[in-house]
């Protein structure tokens, strides 16, 4: 929001009138379920909320590369290595789309990355759990990426244009990731007894963290209500969690595995899937930086950021050189 402040610290009459007109236009866009674009006036709270959400999403994609990249060299075949490498590259691309979307709100990528490596920015708590067997690659693909799809498909209709458009491609690629994970588990579940046991163990360990990916219960989620009022989110955390449980219930039958939750059931009164209690104290601990792998994930991100400084400097120098060439060409044409 532009500011035109008088000497007494109060917005000028012209600025106040511009803000009132901007608010009216913004409210009309939201009421029509249309799109807010970067040059449109928007409330400061809307802008801050988007920067928080999109940057957290971008950080999650970047940090989420680590637990899977760790298994590229140990994947059981060249085919599996190639697929996993492509998936990790996809996640890097998702991070770039999302950082670009957040930059249109006036926050630079350097600011967002500095906040991440300083430990001031959050990312999805799921990536602070260890990946101890190959079956974890299947569980991450099927459950973690599956939860991401449930959460992110509605974001394709987010009211902020650059975010919604970025999510279209992200969701298409996440669908591939989910099928890749399902196929790993299916192969293991139909393999030797030891392989099936490994697949079941992975499902058991990733089940609860994947359900907690949707965030705290609606009663304990301060940002959800306003985010839905602005048409950023379309469904509450609990609604999305219930949908995800329903998806798992059907697909786990095909795998021939079970979910570690004896309280799952379809509630005829609410028309939603119920599930057993989740350990929200554990969720808060992991979110606060005290999970099994929080320190390791951040340290590796810091190291990669420092080791990549020369690449950023070279890219900036090249861009500056190209801009100077372009400027000189324009000046020559103007002088001709």
C-alpha atoms as a PDB file:
ATOM      1  CA  UNK A   1       0.000   0.000   0.000  1.00  0.00           C
ATOM      2  CA  UNK A   2       1.468   3.360  -0.962  1.00  0.00           C
ATOM      3  CA  UNK A   3       1.870   5.850   1.845  1.00  0.00           C
ATOM      4  CA  UNK A   4       1.565   9.619   1.560  1.00  0.00           C
ATOM      5  CA  UNK A   5       2.002  10.857   5.103  1.00  0.00           C
ATOM      6  CA  UNK A   6       1.592  14.396   6.281  1.00  0.00           C
ATOM      7  CA  UNK A   7       4.102  16.026   8.621  1.00  0.00           C
ATOM      8  CA  UNK A   8       1.894  15.143  11.616  1.00  0.00           C
ATOM      9  CA  UNK A   9       2.182  11.402  10.881  1.00  0.00           C
ATOM     10  CA  UNK A  10      -1.387  10.970   9.555  1.00  0.00           C
ATOM     11  CA  UNK A  11      -2.104   9.858   5.956  1.00  0.00           C
ATOM     12  CA  UNK A  12      -3.014  12.760   3.686  1.00  0.00           C
ATOM     13  CA  UNK A  13      -6.600  13.157   2.502  1.00  0.00           C
ATOM     14  CA  UNK A  14      -5.613  12.024  -0.983  1.00  0.00           C
ATOM     15  CA  UNK A  15      -3.962   8.900   0.383  1.00  0.00           C
ATOM     16  CA  UNK A  16      -6.939   8.138   2.610  1.00  0.00           C
ATOM     17  CA  UNK A  17      -9.243   8.477  -0.395  1.00  0.00           C
ATOM     18  CA  UNK A  18      -7.001   6.217  -2.487  1.00  0.00           C
ATOM     19  CA  UNK A  19      -6.946   3.602   0.289  1.00  0.00           C
ATOM     20  CA  UNK A  20     -10.728   3.711   0.622  1.00  0.00           C
ATOM     21  CA  UNK A  21     -11.128   3.223  -3.133  1.00  0.00           C
ATOM     22  CA  UNK A  22      -8.564   0.440  -3.056  1.00  0.00           C
ATOM     23  CA  UNK A  23     -10.324  -1.325  -0.212  1.00  0.00           C
ATOM     24  CA  UNK A  24     -13.639  -1.068  -2.067  1.00  0.00           C
ATOM     25  CA  UNK A  25     -12.104  -2.586  -5.202  1.00  0.00           C
ATOM     26  CA  UNK A  26     -10.392  -5.315  -3.190  1.00  0.00           C
ATOM     27  CA  UNK A  27     -13.641  -6.237  -1.433  1.00  0.00           C
ATOM     28  CA  UNK A  28     -15.415  -6.399  -4.790  1.00  0.00           C
ATOM     29  CA  UNK A  29     -12.741  -8.738  -6.204  1.00  0.00           C
ATOM     30  CA  UNK A  30     -13.053 -11.062  -3.222  1.00  0.00           C
ATOM     31  CA  UNK A  31     -16.865 -10.966  -3.359  1.00  0.00           C
ATOM     32  CA  UNK A  32     -16.779 -11.936  -7.055  1.00  0.00           C
ATOM     33  CA  UNK A  33     -14.285 -14.729  -6.284  1.00  0.00           C
ATOM     34  CA  UNK A  34     -11.934 -13.159  -8.800  1.00  0.00           C
ATOM     35  CA  UNK A  35      -8.167 -12.627  -8.724  1.00  0.00           C
ATOM     36  CA  UNK A  36      -6.031  -9.988  -6.995  1.00  0.00           C
ATOM     37  CA  UNK A  37      -2.956  -9.163  -9.067  1.00  0.00           C
ATOM     38  CA  UNK A  38       0.378  -7.688  -7.892  1.00  0.00           C
ATOM     39  CA  UNK A  39      -0.405  -4.112  -9.024  1.00  0.00           C
ATOM     40  CA  UNK A  40      -3.814  -4.091  -7.340  1.00  0.00           C
ATOM     41  CA  UNK A  41      -4.307  -2.349  -4.020  1.00  0.00           C
ATOM     42  CA  UNK A  42      -4.478  -4.854  -1.181  1.00  0.00           C
ATOM     43  CA  UNK A  43      -4.685  -4.591   2.615  1.00  0.00           C
ATOM     44  CA  UNK A  44      -1.364  -4.849   4.400  1.00  0.00           C
ATOM     45  CA  UNK A  45      -2.673  -7.799   6.423  1.00  0.00           C
ATOM     46  CA  UNK A  46      -3.563  -9.681   3.206  1.00  0.00           C
ATOM     47  CA  UNK A  47      -0.086  -9.024   1.815  1.00  0.00           C
ATOM     48  CA  UNK A  48       1.620 -10.156   5.042  1.00  0.00           C
ATOM     49  CA  UNK A  49      -0.522 -13.279   5.214  1.00  0.00           C
ATOM     50  CA  UNK A  50       0.370 -14.219   1.641  1.00  0.00           C
ATOM     51  CA  UNK A  51       4.095 -13.621   2.147  1.00  0.00           C
ATOM     52  CA  UNK A  52       3.989 -15.810   5.262  1.00  0.00           C
ATOM     53  CA  UNK A  53       2.087 -18.621   3.565  1.00  0.00           C
ATOM     54  CA  UNK A  54       3.850 -18.610   0.186  1.00  0.00           C
ATOM     55  CA  UNK A  55       7.353 -18.303   1.666  1.00  0.00           C
ATOM     56  CA  UNK A  56       6.633 -21.132   4.125  1.00  0.00           C
ATOM     57  CA  UNK A  57       5.444 -23.204   1.199  1.00  0.00           C
ATOM     58  CA  UNK A  58       8.597 -22.366  -0.794  1.00  0.00           C
ATOM     59  CA  UNK A  59      10.843 -23.189   2.176  1.00  0.00           C
ATOM     60  CA  UNK A  60       9.051 -26.524   2.575  1.00  0.00           C
ATOM     61  CA  UNK A  61       9.808 -27.428  -1.035  1.00  0.00           C
ATOM     62  CA  UNK A  62      13.492 -26.568  -0.621  1.00  0.00           C
ATOM     63  CA  UNK A  63      13.976 -28.275   2.748  1.00  0.00           C
ATOM     64  CA  UNK A  64      11.887 -31.198   1.514  1.00  0.00           C
ATOM     65  CA  UNK A  65      14.573 -31.995  -1.050  1.00  0.00           C
ATOM     66  CA  UNK A  66      16.925 -33.199   1.682  1.00  0.00           C
ATOM     67  CA  UNK A  67      15.288 -36.391   3.008  1.00  0.00           C
ATOM     68  CA  UNK A  68      14.783 -37.695  -0.540  1.00  0.00           C
ATOM     69  CA  UNK A  69      18.092 -36.544  -2.016  1.00  0.00           C
ATOM     70  CA  UNK A  70      19.697 -38.564   0.755  1.00  0.00           C
ATOM     71  CA  UNK A  71      18.383 -41.721  -0.932  1.00  0.00           C
ATOM     72  CA  UNK A  72      19.342 -41.047  -4.569  1.00  0.00           C
ATOM     73  CA  UNK A  73      22.634 -42.955  -4.374  1.00  0.00           C
ATOM     74  CA  UNK A  74      21.015 -45.757  -2.337  1.00  0.00           C
ATOM     75  CA  UNK A  75      17.941 -46.289  -4.522  1.00  0.00           C
ATOM     76  CA  UNK A  76      17.758 -49.986  -5.513  1.00  0.00           C
ATOM     77  CA  UNK A  77      18.069 -49.547  -9.305  1.00  0.00           C
ATOM     78  CA  UNK A  78      19.165 -47.060 -11.960  1.00  0.00           C
ATOM     79  CA  UNK A  79      15.488 -46.506 -12.827  1.00  0.00           C
ATOM     80  CA  UNK A  80      14.664 -45.671  -9.217  1.00  0.00           C
ATOM     81  CA  UNK A  81      17.672 -43.342  -8.953  1.00  0.00           C
ATOM     82  CA  UNK A  82      16.611 -41.500 -12.135  1.00  0.00           C
ATOM     83  CA  UNK A  83      13.011 -41.106 -10.967  1.00  0.00           C
ATOM     84  CA  UNK A  84      14.039 -39.913  -7.509  1.00  0.00           C
ATOM     85  CA  UNK A  85      16.537 -37.456  -8.971  1.00  0.00           C
ATOM     86  CA  UNK A  86      13.830 -36.026 -11.249  1.00  0.00           C
ATOM     87  CA  UNK A  87      11.476 -35.721  -8.288  1.00  0.00           C
ATOM     88  CA  UNK A  88      14.026 -33.820  -6.208  1.00  0.00           C
ATOM     89  CA  UNK A  89      14.606 -31.488  -9.168  1.00  0.00           C
ATOM     90  CA  UNK A  90      10.843 -30.930  -9.369  1.00  0.00           C
ATOM     91  CA  UNK A  91      10.776 -29.883  -5.708  1.00  0.00           C
ATOM     92  CA  UNK A  92      13.537 -27.339  -6.375  1.00  0.00           C
ATOM     93  CA  UNK A  93      11.465 -25.982  -9.248  1.00  0.00           C
ATOM     94  CA  UNK A  94       8.404 -25.698  -7.008  1.00  0.00           C
ATOM     95  CA  UNK A  95      10.451 -23.644  -4.571  1.00  0.00           C
ATOM     96  CA  UNK A  96      11.509 -21.297  -7.361  1.00  0.00           C
ATOM     97  CA  UNK A  97       7.929 -20.812  -8.616  1.00  0.00           C
ATOM     98  CA  UNK A  98       6.786 -19.987  -5.126  1.00  0.00           C
ATOM     99  CA  UNK A  99       9.660 -17.649  -4.247  1.00  0.00           C
ATOM    100  CA  UNK A 100       8.888 -15.816  -7.502  1.00  0.00           C
ATOM    101  CA  UNK A 101       5.209 -15.533  -6.519  1.00  0.00           C
ATOM    102  CA  UNK A 102       6.148 -14.176  -3.093  1.00  0.00           C
ATOM    103  CA  UNK A 103       8.549 -11.644  -4.643  1.00  0.00           C
ATOM    104  CA  UNK A 104       5.627 -10.044  -6.492  1.00  0.00           C
ATOM    105  CA  UNK A 105       4.379  -8.988  -3.040  1.00  0.00           C
ATOM    106  CA  UNK A 106       7.480  -6.898  -2.413  1.00  0.00           C
ATOM    107  CA  UNK A 107       9.591  -9.300  -0.346  1.00  0.00           C
ATOM    108  CA  UNK A 108      12.886 -10.239  -1.964  1.00  0.00           C
ATOM    109  CA  UNK A 109      14.123 -13.808  -2.286  1.00  0.00           C
ATOM    110  CA  UNK A 110      17.239 -12.838  -0.312  1.00  0.00           C
ATOM    111  CA  UNK A 111      15.060 -11.704   2.607  1.00  0.00           C
ATOM    112  CA  UNK A 112      13.111 -14.951   2.580  1.00  0.00           C
ATOM    113  CA  UNK A 113      16.216 -17.114   2.336  1.00  0.00           C
ATOM    114  CA  UNK A 114      17.982 -15.141   5.075  1.00  0.00           C
ATOM    115  CA  UNK A 115      14.987 -15.769   7.354  1.00  0.00           C
ATOM    116  CA  UNK A 116      15.132 -19.492   6.571  1.00  0.00           C
ATOM    117  CA  UNK A 117      18.844 -20.004   7.233  1.00  0.00           C
ATOM    118  CA  UNK A 118      18.600 -17.841  10.374  1.00  0.00           C
ATOM    119  CA  UNK A 119      15.934 -20.209  11.700  1.00  0.00           C
ATOM    120  CA  UNK A 120      13.304 -17.441  11.785  1.00  0.00           C
ATOM    121  CA  UNK A 121      11.066 -18.864   9.056  1.00  0.00           C
ATOM    122  CA  UNK A 122       8.938 -21.977   9.292  1.00  0.00           C
ATOM    123  CA  UNK A 123       8.509 -24.838   6.880  1.00  0.00           C
ATOM    124  CA  UNK A 124       6.396 -27.990   6.941  1.00  0.00           C
ATOM    125  CA  UNK A 125       7.093 -29.995  10.093  1.00  0.00           C
ATOM    126  CA  UNK A 126       6.942 -33.283   8.145  1.00  0.00           C
ATOM    127  CA  UNK A 127      10.442 -32.783   6.754  1.00  0.00           C
ATOM    128  CA  UNK A 128      11.978 -32.911  10.215  1.00  0.00           C
ATOM    129  CA  UNK A 129      11.428 -36.663  10.446  1.00  0.00           C
ATOM    130  CA  UNK A 130      14.187 -39.107   9.390  1.00  0.00           C
ATOM    131  CA  UNK A 131      14.023 -41.378   6.341  1.00  0.00           C
ATOM    132  CA  UNK A 132      15.479 -44.645   7.593  1.00  0.00           C
ATOM    133  CA  UNK A 133      14.559 -47.154   4.856  1.00  0.00           C
ATOM    134  CA  UNK A 134      13.891 -47.197   1.113  1.00  0.00           C
ATOM    135  CA  UNK A 135      10.205 -47.730   1.892  1.00  0.00           C
ATOM    136  CA  UNK A 136      10.183 -44.218   3.358  1.00  0.00           C
ATOM    137  CA  UNK A 137      10.550 -42.914  -0.209  1.00  0.00           C
ATOM    138  CA  UNK A 138       7.303 -44.699  -1.001  1.00  0.00           C
ATOM    139  CA  UNK A 139       5.553 -43.431   2.117  1.00  0.00           C
ATOM    140  CA  UNK A 140       6.676 -39.852   1.462  1.00  0.00           C
ATOM    141  CA  UNK A 141       5.432 -40.016  -2.110  1.00  0.00           C
ATOM    142  CA  UNK A 142       2.111 -41.646  -1.311  1.00  0.00           C
ATOM    143  CA  UNK A 143       1.276 -39.999   2.009  1.00  0.00           C
ATOM    144  CA  UNK A 144       3.248 -36.739   2.198  1.00  0.00           C
ATOM    145  CA  UNK A 145       2.784 -35.762  -1.436  1.00  0.00           C
ATOM    146  CA  UNK A 146      -0.762 -37.101  -1.275  1.00  0.00           C
ATOM    147  CA  UNK A 147      -1.487 -34.788   1.655  1.00  0.00           C
ATOM    148  CA  UNK A 148       0.166 -31.960  -0.268  1.00  0.00           C
ATOM    149  CA  UNK A 149      -2.172 -32.573  -3.221  1.00  0.00           C
ATOM    150  CA  UNK A 150      -5.254 -32.496  -0.968  1.00  0.00           C
ATOM    151  CA  UNK A 151      -4.041 -29.237   0.506  1.00  0.00           C
ATOM    152  CA  UNK A 152      -2.756 -27.600  -2.653  1.00  0.00           C
ATOM    153  CA  UNK A 153      -5.323 -28.364  -5.348  1.00  0.00           C
ATOM    154  CA  UNK A 154      -7.782 -25.874  -3.770  1.00  0.00           C
ATOM    155  CA  UNK A 155      -4.931 -23.319  -3.746  1.00  0.00           C
ATOM    156  CA  UNK A 156      -5.049 -23.310  -7.566  1.00  0.00           C
ATOM    157  CA  UNK A 157      -8.133 -21.111  -7.002  1.00  0.00           C
ATOM    158  CA  UNK A 158      -6.400 -18.862  -4.455  1.00  0.00           C
ATOM    159  CA  UNK A 159      -7.442 -15.232  -4.753  1.00  0.00           C
ATOM    160  CA  UNK A 160      -3.881 -14.034  -5.345  1.00  0.00           C
ATOM    161  CA  UNK A 161      -3.148 -14.589  -9.042  1.00  0.00           C
ATOM    162  CA  UNK A 162       0.583 -15.449  -9.023  1.00  0.00           C
ATOM    163  CA  UNK A 163       0.104 -17.964  -6.201  1.00  0.00           C
ATOM    164  CA  UNK A 164      -2.858 -19.701  -7.829  1.00  0.00           C
ATOM    165  CA  UNK A 165      -1.123 -19.924 -11.197  1.00  0.00           C
ATOM    166  CA  UNK A 166       2.094 -21.304  -9.648  1.00  0.00           C
ATOM    167  CA  UNK A 167       0.070 -23.981  -7.891  1.00  0.00           C
ATOM    168  CA  UNK A 168      -1.368 -25.349 -11.150  1.00  0.00           C
ATOM    169  CA  UNK A 169       1.983 -26.703 -12.299  1.00  0.00           C
ATOM    170  CA  UNK A 170       3.043 -27.671  -8.774  1.00  0.00           C
ATOM    171  CA  UNK A 171      -0.064 -29.822  -8.369  1.00  0.00           C
ATOM    172  CA  UNK A 172       0.407 -31.581 -11.709  1.00  0.00           C
ATOM    173  CA  UNK A 173       3.926 -32.597 -10.725  1.00  0.00           C
ATOM    174  CA  UNK A 174       2.892 -33.556  -7.183  1.00  0.00           C
ATOM    175  CA  UNK A 175       0.361 -35.947  -8.705  1.00  0.00           C
ATOM    176  CA  UNK A 176       3.222 -37.737 -10.434  1.00  0.00           C
ATOM    177  CA  UNK A 177       5.154 -37.798  -7.161  1.00  0.00           C
ATOM    178  CA  UNK A 178       2.206 -39.342  -5.340  1.00  0.00           C
ATOM    179  CA  UNK A 179       1.843 -42.100  -7.919  1.00  0.00           C
ATOM    180  CA  UNK A 180       5.599 -42.748  -7.799  1.00  0.00           C
ATOM    181  CA  UNK A 181       5.426 -43.269  -4.033  1.00  0.00           C
ATOM    182  CA  UNK A 182       2.368 -45.501  -4.309  1.00  0.00           C
ATOM    183  CA  UNK A 183       4.136 -47.637  -6.901  1.00  0.00           C
ATOM    184  CA  UNK A 184       7.193 -48.078  -4.640  1.00  0.00           C
ATOM    185  CA  UNK A 185       4.989 -49.262  -1.781  1.00  0.00           C
ATOM    186  CA  UNK A 186       2.952 -51.508  -4.086  1.00  0.00           C
ATOM    187  CA  UNK A 187       6.104 -53.234  -5.302  1.00  0.00           C
ATOM    188  CA  UNK A 188       7.396 -53.705  -1.765  1.00  0.00           C
ATOM    189  CA  UNK A 189       4.018 -54.887  -0.474  1.00  0.00           C
ATOM    190  CA  UNK A 190       3.978 -57.583  -3.168  1.00  0.00           C
ATOM    191  CA  UNK A 191       7.617 -58.553  -2.618  1.00  0.00           C
ATOM    192  CA  UNK A 192       9.188 -60.707   0.058  1.00  0.00           C
ATOM    193  CA  UNK A 193       7.735 -60.799   3.596  1.00  0.00           C
ATOM    194  CA  UNK A 194      10.642 -58.609   4.733  1.00  0.00           C
ATOM    195  CA  UNK A 195       9.891 -56.039   2.017  1.00  0.00           C
ATOM    196  CA  UNK A 196       6.197 -55.991   2.934  1.00  0.00           C
ATOM    197  CA  UNK A 197       7.128 -55.526   6.593  1.00  0.00           C
ATOM    198  CA  UNK A 198       9.390 -52.621   5.639  1.00  0.00           C
ATOM    199  CA  UNK A 199       6.540 -50.989   3.681  1.00  0.00           C
ATOM    200  CA  UNK A 200       4.118 -51.410   6.591  1.00  0.00           C
ATOM    201  CA  UNK A 201       6.658 -49.959   9.022  1.00  0.00           C
ATOM    202  CA  UNK A 202       7.082 -46.875   6.816  1.00  0.00           C
ATOM    203  CA  UNK A 203       3.306 -46.379   6.571  1.00  0.00           C
ATOM    204  CA  UNK A 204       3.027 -46.722  10.351  1.00  0.00           C
ATOM    205  CA  UNK A 205       5.685 -44.044  10.961  1.00  0.00           C
ATOM    206  CA  UNK A 206       4.497 -41.512   8.366  1.00  0.00           C
ATOM    207  CA  UNK A 207       0.745 -41.788   8.967  1.00  0.00           C
ATOM    208  CA  UNK A 208       0.366 -39.370  11.888  1.00  0.00           C
ATOM    209  CA  UNK A 209       2.914 -36.789  10.656  1.00  0.00           C
ATOM    210  CA  UNK A 210       1.192 -36.722   7.262  1.00  0.00           C
ATOM    211  CA  UNK A 211      -2.197 -36.022   8.893  1.00  0.00           C
ATOM    212  CA  UNK A 212      -0.610 -33.220  10.900  1.00  0.00           C
ATOM    213  CA  UNK A 213       0.647 -31.602   7.677  1.00  0.00           C
ATOM    214  CA  UNK A 214      -2.753 -29.907   7.366  1.00  0.00           C
ATOM    215  CA  UNK A 215      -1.998 -27.859  10.451  1.00  0.00           C
ATOM    216  CA  UNK A 216      -3.581 -27.724  13.899  1.00  0.00           C
ATOM    217  CA  UNK A 217      -7.279 -28.424  14.505  1.00  0.00           C
ATOM    218  CA  UNK A 218      -9.606 -25.663  13.318  1.00  0.00           C
ATOM    219  CA  UNK A 219     -10.226 -24.494  16.884  1.00  0.00           C
ATOM    220  CA  UNK A 220      -6.490 -23.911  17.314  1.00  0.00           C
ATOM    221  CA  UNK A 221      -5.709 -22.408  13.903  1.00  0.00           C
ATOM    222  CA  UNK A 222      -5.699 -18.601  14.196  1.00  0.00           C
ATOM    223  CA  UNK A 223      -4.901 -17.881  10.538  1.00  0.00           C
ATOM    224  CA  UNK A 224      -7.326 -20.240   8.779  1.00  0.00           C
ATOM    225  CA  UNK A 225     -10.551 -18.287   9.267  1.00  0.00           C
ATOM    226  CA  UNK A 226      -9.200 -15.034   7.835  1.00  0.00           C
ATOM    227  CA  UNK A 227      -7.386 -16.878   5.035  1.00  0.00           C
ATOM    228  CA  UNK A 228     -10.678 -18.482   3.994  1.00  0.00           C
ATOM    229  CA  UNK A 229     -12.482 -15.135   4.174  1.00  0.00           C
ATOM    230  CA  UNK A 230      -9.929 -13.790   1.690  1.00  0.00           C
ATOM    231  CA  UNK A 231     -10.397 -16.840  -0.597  1.00  0.00           C
ATOM    232  CA  UNK A 232      -6.774 -17.867  -0.175  1.00  0.00           C
ATOM    233  CA  UNK A 233      -7.730 -21.126   1.486  1.00  0.00           C
ATOM    234  CA  UNK A 234     -10.944 -22.837   0.417  1.00  0.00           C
ATOM    235  CA  UNK A 235     -11.306 -25.486   3.100  1.00  0.00           C
ATOM    236  CA  UNK A 236     -10.381 -25.673   6.771  1.00  0.00           C
ATOM    237  CA  UNK A 237      -7.541 -27.823   8.126  1.00  0.00           C
ATOM    238  CA  UNK A 238      -9.945 -30.398   9.561  1.00  0.00           C
ATOM    239  CA  UNK A 239     -11.983 -30.619   6.345  1.00  0.00           C
ATOM    240  CA  UNK A 240      -8.870 -31.299   4.287  1.00  0.00           C
ATOM    241  CA  UNK A 241      -7.562 -33.801   6.839  1.00  0.00           C
ATOM    242  CA  UNK A 242     -10.829 -35.724   6.700  1.00  0.00           C
ATOM    243  CA  UNK A 243     -10.718 -35.853   2.884  1.00  0.00           C
ATOM    244  CA  UNK A 244      -7.149 -37.143   3.016  1.00  0.00           C
ATOM    245  CA  UNK A 245      -8.076 -39.902   5.460  1.00  0.00           C
ATOM    246  CA  UNK A 246     -10.851 -41.000   3.121  1.00  0.00           C
ATOM    247  CA  UNK A 247      -8.368 -41.178   0.255  1.00  0.00           C
ATOM    248  CA  UNK A 248      -5.924 -43.287   2.299  1.00  0.00           C
ATOM    249  CA  UNK A 249      -8.622 -45.708   3.443  1.00  0.00           C
ATOM    250  CA  UNK A 250      -9.411 -46.764  -0.116  1.00  0.00           C
ATOM    251  CA  UNK A 251      -5.877 -46.787  -1.500  1.00  0.00           C
ATOM    252  CA  UNK A 252      -4.319 -48.756   1.368  1.00  0.00           C
ATOM    253  CA  UNK A 253      -6.624 -51.647   0.456  1.00  0.00           C
ATOM    254  CA  UNK A 254      -4.974 -51.831  -2.975  1.00  0.00           C
ATOM    255  CA  UNK A 255      -1.559 -51.855  -1.327  1.00  0.00           C
ATOM    256  CA  UNK A 256      -2.561 -54.740   0.926  1.00  0.00           C
ATOM    257  CA  UNK A 257      -1.298 -52.786   3.941  1.00  0.00           C
ATOM    258  CA  UNK A 258      -3.094 -51.241   6.925  1.00  0.00           C
ATOM    259  CA  UNK A 259      -3.263 -47.825   8.525  1.00  0.00           C
ATOM    260  CA  UNK A 260      -2.145 -47.620  12.180  1.00  0.00           C
ATOM    261  CA  UNK A 261      -5.450 -46.167  13.336  1.00  0.00           C
ATOM    262  CA  UNK A 262      -8.296 -48.330  14.651  1.00  0.00           C
ATOM    263  CA  UNK A 263     -10.620 -45.350  15.016  1.00  0.00           C
ATOM    264  CA  UNK A 264     -10.934 -44.527  11.326  1.00  0.00           C
ATOM    265  CA  UNK A 265     -14.511 -44.511  10.133  1.00  0.00           C
ATOM    266  CA  UNK A 266     -16.973 -42.588   8.018  1.00  0.00           C
ATOM    267  CA  UNK A 267     -19.264 -40.474  10.178  1.00  0.00           C
ATOM    268  CA  UNK A 268     -22.761 -40.604   8.703  1.00  0.00           C
ATOM    269  CA  UNK A 269     -23.855 -37.584  10.750  1.00  0.00           C
ATOM    270  CA  UNK A 270     -21.094 -35.227   9.591  1.00  0.00           C
ATOM    271  CA  UNK A 271     -20.497 -37.009   6.253  1.00  0.00           C
ATOM    272  CA  UNK A 272     -16.793 -36.865   6.994  1.00  0.00           C
ATOM    273  CA  UNK A 273     -14.047 -39.324   7.831  1.00  0.00           C
ATOM    274  CA  UNK A 274     -13.075 -39.537  11.497  1.00  0.00           C
ATOM    275  CA  UNK A 275      -9.651 -40.637  12.707  1.00  0.00           C
ATOM    276  CA  UNK A 276      -7.913 -41.340  15.984  1.00  0.00           C
ATOM    277  CA  UNK A 277      -6.300 -38.662  18.164  1.00  0.00           C
ATOM    278  CA  UNK A 278      -3.069 -37.029  17.010  1.00  0.00           C
ATOM    279  CA  UNK A 279      -0.199 -35.953  19.244  1.00  0.00           C
ATOM    280  CA  UNK A 280      -0.414 -32.182  18.882  1.00  0.00           C
ATOM    281  CA  UNK A 281       2.253 -31.660  21.547  1.00  0.00           C
ATOM    282  CA  UNK A 282       4.687 -33.493  19.282  1.00  0.00           C
ATOM    283  CA  UNK A 283       3.543 -31.308  16.379  1.00  0.00           C
ATOM    284  CA  UNK A 284       4.259 -28.143  18.382  1.00  0.00           C
ATOM    285  CA  UNK A 285       7.663 -29.430  19.469  1.00  0.00           C
ATOM    286  CA  UNK A 286       8.704 -30.185  15.884  1.00  0.00           C
ATOM    287  CA  UNK A 287       7.319 -26.855  14.690  1.00  0.00           C
ATOM    288  CA  UNK A 288       9.290 -25.087  17.420  1.00  0.00           C
ATOM    289  CA  UNK A 289      12.525 -26.583  16.077  1.00  0.00           C
ATOM    290  CA  UNK A 290      12.850 -29.493  18.485  1.00  0.00           C
ATOM    291  CA  UNK A 291      12.035 -32.346  16.097  1.00  0.00           C
ATOM    292  CA  UNK A 292      14.315 -35.303  15.265  1.00  0.00           C
ATOM    293  CA  UNK A 293      16.007 -33.606  12.287  1.00  0.00           C
ATOM    294  CA  UNK A 294      15.352 -29.850  12.626  1.00  0.00           C
ATOM    295  CA  UNK A 295      18.975 -28.956  13.416  1.00  0.00           C
ATOM    296  CA  UNK A 296      20.346 -31.210  10.667  1.00  0.00           C
ATOM    297  CA  UNK A 297      17.987 -29.832   8.005  1.00  0.00           C
ATOM    298  CA  UNK A 298      18.805 -26.207   8.791  1.00  0.00           C
ATOM    299  CA  UNK A 299      22.551 -26.817   9.014  1.00  0.00           C
ATOM    300  CA  UNK A 300      22.571 -28.453   5.587  1.00  0.00           C
ATOM    301  CA  UNK A 301      20.510 -25.595   4.145  1.00  0.00           C
ATOM    302  CA  UNK A 302      22.985 -23.073   5.597  1.00  0.00           C
ATOM    303  CA  UNK A 303      25.967 -24.974   4.183  1.00  0.00           C
ATOM    304  CA  UNK A 304      24.379 -25.231   0.745  1.00  0.00           C
ATOM    305  CA  UNK A 305      23.538 -21.519   0.821  1.00  0.00           C
ATOM    306  CA  UNK A 306      27.105 -20.550   1.713  1.00  0.00           C
ATOM    307  CA  UNK A 307      28.649 -22.934  -0.819  1.00  0.00           C
ATOM    308  CA  UNK A 308      26.376 -21.537  -3.524  1.00  0.00           C
ATOM    309  CA  UNK A 309      27.407 -17.918  -2.966  1.00  0.00           C
ATOM    310  CA  UNK A 310      29.750 -17.969  -5.962  1.00  0.00           C
ATOM    311  CA  UNK A 311      26.927 -19.144  -8.227  1.00  0.00           C
ATOM    312  CA  UNK A 312      24.679 -16.277  -7.134  1.00  0.00           C
ATOM    313  CA  UNK A 313      27.520 -13.781  -7.606  1.00  0.00           C
ATOM    314  CA  UNK A 314      28.289 -15.127 -11.102  1.00  0.00           C
ATOM    315  CA  UNK A 315      24.596 -15.026 -12.076  1.00  0.00           C
ATOM    316  CA  UNK A 316      24.276 -11.441 -10.833  1.00  0.00           C
ATOM    317  CA  UNK A 317      27.407 -10.368 -12.736  1.00  0.00           C
ATOM    318  CA  UNK A 318      26.117 -12.021 -15.929  1.00  0.00           C
ATOM    319  CA  UNK A 319      22.698 -10.363 -15.561  1.00  0.00           C
ATOM    320  CA  UNK A 320      24.367  -6.990 -15.025  1.00  0.00           C
ATOM    321  CA  UNK A 321      26.518  -7.498 -18.124  1.00  0.00           C
ATOM    322  CA  UNK A 322      23.516  -8.475 -20.235  1.00  0.00           C
ATOM    323  CA  UNK A 323      21.526  -5.467 -18.996  1.00  0.00           C
ATOM    324  CA  UNK A 324      24.413  -3.140 -19.902  1.00  0.00           C
ATOM    325  CA  UNK A 325      24.541  -4.639 -23.413  1.00  0.00           C
ATOM    326  CA  UNK A 326      20.807  -4.232 -23.834  1.00  0.00           C
ATOM    327  CA  UNK A 327      20.948  -0.635 -22.626  1.00  0.00           C
ATOM    328  CA  UNK A 328      23.813   0.149 -25.043  1.00  0.00           C
ATOM    329  CA  UNK A 329      21.864  -1.376 -27.954  1.00  0.00           C
ATOM    330  CA  UNK A 330      18.794   0.723 -27.139  1.00  0.00           C
ATOM    331  CA  UNK A 331      20.941   3.876 -26.834  1.00  0.00           C
ATOM    332  CA  UNK A 332      22.550   3.188 -30.242  1.00  0.00           C
ATOM    333  CA  UNK A 333      19.164   2.728 -31.901  1.00  0.00           C
ATOM    334  CA  UNK A 334      17.879   5.920 -30.308  1.00  0.00           C
ATOM    335  CA  UNK A 335      20.915   7.860 -31.523  1.00  0.00           C
ATOM    336  CA  UNK A 336      20.659   6.497 -35.087  1.00  0.00           C
END
